[in-house]
Protein backbone atom coordinates (compact mmCIF):
# COMPACT_ATOMS: atom_id res chain seq x y z
CA MET A 1 -65.37 80.04 99.79
CA ALA A 2 -64.80 76.22 99.20
CA HIS A 3 -64.41 75.61 102.96
CA TYR A 4 -67.69 77.42 103.64
CA ARG A 5 -69.79 74.90 101.11
CA ALA A 6 -67.74 71.72 102.74
CA SER A 7 -68.27 73.13 106.72
CA GLU A 8 -72.46 73.78 104.94
CA SER A 9 -72.29 70.41 103.34
CA LYS A 10 -71.53 68.74 106.97
CA ARG A 11 -73.97 70.80 108.86
CA GLU A 12 -77.03 70.03 105.93
CA GLN A 13 -75.72 65.90 106.72
CA PHE A 14 -75.96 66.38 110.57
CA ARG A 15 -79.46 68.23 110.37
CA ARG A 16 -80.63 65.56 107.82
CA TYR A 17 -79.21 62.82 110.23
CA LEU A 18 -80.86 64.56 113.39
CA GLU A 19 -84.01 64.44 111.39
CA LYS A 20 -83.81 60.69 109.97
CA ALA A 21 -83.30 59.46 113.66
CA GLY A 22 -86.04 62.07 115.09
CA VAL A 23 -84.31 64.11 117.22
CA LEU A 24 -85.64 67.04 116.24
CA ASP A 25 -89.05 66.07 116.83
CA SER A 26 -88.33 65.26 120.22
CA LEU A 27 -87.16 68.14 120.78
CA THR A 28 -89.67 70.45 118.85
CA ASN A 29 -92.02 68.15 120.93
CA VAL A 30 -89.91 68.63 124.70
CA LEU A 31 -89.21 72.94 124.19
CA VAL A 32 -93.23 73.29 122.57
CA ALA A 33 -94.60 71.15 125.64
CA LEU A 34 -91.93 73.36 127.88
CA TYR A 35 -93.20 77.00 126.33
CA GLU A 36 -96.54 76.34 127.13
CA GLU A 37 -96.13 75.40 130.60
CA THR A 38 -98.38 77.83 132.29
CA GLU A 39 -95.79 77.39 135.73
CA LYS A 40 -92.54 77.21 134.32
CA PRO A 41 -90.74 74.81 136.27
CA SER A 42 -87.42 76.00 138.04
CA ASP A 43 -84.73 73.65 136.37
CA ALA A 44 -86.16 74.10 132.85
CA LEU A 45 -82.81 71.58 132.10
CA GLU A 46 -84.48 68.90 134.46
CA PHE A 47 -88.14 69.04 132.79
CA ILE A 48 -86.26 68.58 129.78
CA ARG A 49 -84.63 65.26 130.72
CA GLN A 50 -87.87 64.36 132.37
CA HIS A 51 -89.84 64.62 128.66
CA LEU A 52 -86.47 62.84 126.44
CA GLY A 53 -86.25 60.19 128.90
CA PRO A 54 -86.72 56.86 126.66
CA SER A 55 -90.20 56.78 126.24
CA GLU A 56 -89.81 52.62 125.93
CA PRO A 57 -86.94 50.38 125.75
CA ASN A 58 -85.91 49.39 122.10
CA GLY A 59 -85.99 45.96 120.55
CA ALA A 60 -82.93 45.04 122.37
CA ASP A 61 -83.36 45.97 125.40
CA ALA A 62 -87.27 44.69 125.84
CA GLU A 63 -85.73 41.23 124.57
CA SER A 64 -83.20 41.72 126.99
CA LEU A 65 -85.93 42.43 129.87
CA ARG A 66 -88.36 39.50 128.49
CA LEU A 67 -85.93 37.14 129.65
CA GLU A 68 -84.85 38.26 132.60
CA LEU A 69 -88.15 38.55 133.36
CA ALA A 70 -89.18 34.90 133.02
CA GLU A 71 -85.98 33.45 134.29
CA LEU A 72 -86.90 35.45 137.39
CA GLN A 73 -90.44 34.25 137.81
CA GLN A 74 -88.56 30.51 136.89
CA LYS A 75 -87.16 31.32 140.25
CA HIS A 76 -89.46 32.86 142.26
CA ASP A 77 -92.16 30.00 141.53
CA LEU A 78 -89.00 27.66 142.29
CA LEU A 79 -88.37 29.34 146.17
CA LEU A 80 -92.59 29.00 146.10
CA GLU A 81 -91.88 25.61 146.19
CA GLU A 82 -88.84 25.14 148.17
CA ASN A 83 -90.66 27.52 150.63
CA LYS A 84 -93.58 25.48 151.07
CA GLU A 85 -91.92 22.36 151.26
CA LEU A 86 -89.83 23.82 154.19
CA LYS A 87 -93.01 24.57 155.67
CA ARG A 88 -93.36 20.92 155.22
CA ARG A 89 -90.81 19.96 157.31
CA LEU A 90 -90.92 22.35 159.47
CA LEU A 91 -94.38 21.12 161.09
CA GLN A 92 -93.03 17.87 161.67
CA TYR A 93 -90.53 19.58 164.55
CA GLU A 94 -92.90 21.63 165.45
CA PRO A 95 -95.41 20.92 169.22
CA SER A 96 -98.80 21.06 167.81
CA ALA A 97 -101.27 23.45 168.89
CA GLU A 98 -102.84 20.52 170.85
CA ASP A 99 -99.67 19.19 172.43
CA ARG A 100 -99.05 22.98 174.06
CA GLY A 101 -102.50 23.32 175.59
CA ALA A 102 -101.83 19.63 177.28
CA GLU A 103 -98.49 20.56 178.92
């Protein structure tokens, strides 16, 4: 009987953990959405995966993405400047349209 109570206590702790983490609410919402679908999807598991997917990145992921975005924007700006400069230099070596018309 004591073993039964110990496992019941572990179950209750796990249930509270899931509730505190918002897992139970998320699962309930997805299952309700699936239940309310007028045309049930052929793959219920895929429906659940799509609806349980991360809605927004967590704080660390978001910060990492912001840093990566800033780095890529800087790199983009540098490449645009380099492209302008190379085009300008290329024009020095290409004959102008007037020169080509005279030939």
